[in-house]
Amino acid sequence: MSLQKLKYLAVTALLFLTLGVFLERPAYAYVDPGSSLLVYQSLSAAVTGVLFYFRRRIKNIFRSNSNPAENPTDPN
């Protein structure tokens, strides 16, 4: 990811966070204790999905490239 795209992403996230803080309105609703568990479950599923999607790249980061004979099935 280029530096320009990273700056754009950071500015956009900061803008949404700032707008969310300053335009906050009171919520007249009941939130039960199970709601936090639902948020935790959603976040953990998203992280697991990202790791599963990029598993080959993650394996290549931790794999030793010093001896190619150890990994004969490696397509690289």
C-alpha atoms as a PDB file:
ATOM      1  CA  MET A   1       0.000   0.000   0.000  1.00  0.00           C
ATOM      2  CA  SER A   2       1.428   3.352  -0.982  1.00  0.00           C
ATOM      3  CA  LEU A   3       2.020   6.140   1.489  1.00  0.00           C
ATOM      4  CA  GLN A   4      -0.578   8.348  -0.207  1.00  0.00           C
ATOM      5  CA  LYS A   5      -3.288   5.688   0.144  1.00  0.00           C
ATOM      6  CA  LEU A   6      -2.309   5.106   3.771  1.00  0.00           C
ATOM      7  CA  LYS A   7      -2.593   8.833   4.515  1.00  0.00           C
ATOM      8  CA  TYR A   8      -5.990   8.962   2.792  1.00  0.00           C
ATOM      9  CA  LEU A   9      -7.210   6.002   4.845  1.00  0.00           C
ATOM     10  CA  ALA A  10      -5.964   7.565   8.091  1.00  0.00           C
ATOM     11  CA  VAL A  11      -7.579  10.942   7.342  1.00  0.00           C
ATOM     12  CA  THR A  12     -10.869   9.276   6.408  1.00  0.00           C
ATOM     13  CA  ALA A  13     -10.908   7.153   9.577  1.00  0.00           C
ATOM     14  CA  LEU A  14     -10.072  10.208  11.698  1.00  0.00           C
ATOM     15  CA  LEU A  15     -12.862  12.192  10.020  1.00  0.00           C
ATOM     16  CA  PHE A  16     -15.455   9.491  10.724  1.00  0.00           C
ATOM     17  CA  LEU A  17     -14.271   9.154  14.323  1.00  0.00           C
ATOM     18  CA  THR A  18     -14.447  12.915  14.841  1.00  0.00           C
ATOM     19  CA  LEU A  19     -17.908  13.162  13.310  1.00  0.00           C
ATOM     20  CA  GLY A  20     -19.081  10.241  15.413  1.00  0.00           C
ATOM     21  CA  VAL A  21     -17.904  11.937  18.606  1.00  0.00           C
ATOM     22  CA  PHE A  22     -19.226  15.424  17.865  1.00  0.00           C
ATOM     23  CA  LEU A  23     -22.554  14.402  16.349  1.00  0.00           C
ATOM     24  CA  GLU A  24     -23.430  11.992  19.132  1.00  0.00           C
ATOM     25  CA  ARG A  25     -27.047  11.934  20.235  1.00  0.00           C
ATOM     26  CA  PRO A  26     -28.484  10.166  23.272  1.00  0.00           C
ATOM     27  CA  ALA A  27     -29.793   6.704  22.520  1.00  0.00           C
ATOM     28  CA  TYR A  28     -32.997   5.852  24.311  1.00  0.00           C
ATOM     29  CA  ALA A  29     -32.652   2.111  23.991  1.00  0.00           C
ATOM     30  CA  TYR A  30     -31.880  -0.906  26.135  1.00  0.00           C
ATOM     31  CA  VAL A  31     -28.655  -2.779  25.510  1.00  0.00           C
ATOM     32  CA  ASP A  32     -28.486  -6.180  27.138  1.00  0.00           C
ATOM     33  CA  PRO A  33     -25.248  -7.819  28.347  1.00  0.00           C
ATOM     34  CA  GLY A  34     -25.221 -10.216  25.384  1.00  0.00           C
ATOM     35  CA  SER A  35     -24.621  -7.348  22.966  1.00  0.00           C
ATOM     36  CA  SER A  36     -20.953  -7.074  23.903  1.00  0.00           C
ATOM     37  CA  LEU A  37     -20.543 -10.791  23.271  1.00  0.00           C
ATOM     38  CA  LEU A  38     -22.075 -10.334  19.819  1.00  0.00           C
ATOM     39  CA  VAL A  39     -19.582  -7.551  19.047  1.00  0.00           C
ATOM     40  CA  TYR A  40     -16.702  -9.755  20.289  1.00  0.00           C
ATOM     41  CA  GLN A  41     -17.916 -12.669  18.163  1.00  0.00           C
ATOM     42  CA  SER A  42     -18.206 -10.472  15.068  1.00  0.00           C
ATOM     43  CA  LEU A  43     -14.705  -9.049  15.495  1.00  0.00           C
ATOM     44  CA  SER A  44     -13.157 -12.465  16.094  1.00  0.00           C
ATOM     45  CA  ALA A  45     -14.927 -13.864  13.015  1.00  0.00           C
ATOM     46  CA  ALA A  46     -13.634 -10.960  10.902  1.00  0.00           C
ATOM     47  CA  VAL A  47     -10.049 -11.445  12.109  1.00  0.00           C
ATOM     48  CA  THR A  48     -10.252 -15.196  11.531  1.00  0.00           C
ATOM     49  CA  GLY A  49     -11.667 -14.634   8.043  1.00  0.00           C
ATOM     50  CA  VAL A  50      -8.846 -12.239   7.121  1.00  0.00           C
ATOM     51  CA  LEU A  51      -6.216 -14.655   8.440  1.00  0.00           C
ATOM     52  CA  PHE A  52      -7.808 -17.534   6.523  1.00  0.00           C
ATOM     53  CA  TYR A  53      -7.959 -15.487   3.311  1.00  0.00           C
ATOM     54  CA  PHE A  54      -4.287 -14.463   3.517  1.00  0.00           C
ATOM     55  CA  ARG A  55      -2.989 -17.751   4.992  1.00  0.00           C
ATOM     56  CA  ARG A  56      -0.562 -18.473   2.150  1.00  0.00           C
ATOM     57  CA  ARG A  57       1.110 -15.081   2.469  1.00  0.00           C
ATOM     58  CA  ILE A  58       1.308 -15.457   6.233  1.00  0.00           C
ATOM     59  CA  LYS A  59       2.892 -18.907   5.851  1.00  0.00           C
ATOM     60  CA  ASN A  60       5.488 -17.481   3.464  1.00  0.00           C
ATOM     61  CA  ILE A  61       6.467 -14.830   5.999  1.00  0.00           C
ATOM     62  CA  PHE A  62       7.252 -17.424   8.666  1.00  0.00           C
ATOM     63  CA  ARG A  63       8.704 -20.032   6.326  1.00  0.00           C
ATOM     64  CA  SER A  64      12.459 -20.369   6.076  1.00  0.00           C
ATOM     65  CA  ASN A  65      13.704 -19.627   2.552  1.00  0.00           C
ATOM     66  CA  SER A  66      17.312 -20.507   3.361  1.00  0.00           C
ATOM     67  CA  ASN A  67      17.052 -24.158   2.264  1.00  0.00           C
ATOM     68  CA  PRO A  68      14.695 -24.730  -0.707  1.00  0.00           C
ATOM     69  CA  ALA A  69      15.111 -28.524  -0.423  1.00  0.00           C
ATOM     70  CA  GLU A  70      13.046 -28.492   2.782  1.00  0.00           C
ATOM     71  CA  ASN A  71       9.935 -27.334   0.891  1.00  0.00           C
ATOM     72  CA  PRO A  72       9.726 -29.318  -2.357  1.00  0.00           C
ATOM     73  CA  THR A  73       6.041 -28.444  -2.893  1.00  0.00           C
ATOM     74  CA  ASP A  74       6.685 -24.689  -2.605  1.00  0.00           C
ATOM     75  CA  PRO A  75       5.699 -23.083  -5.945  1.00  0.00           C
ATOM     76  CA  ASN A  76       8.170 -20.203  -5.459  1.00  0.00           C
END
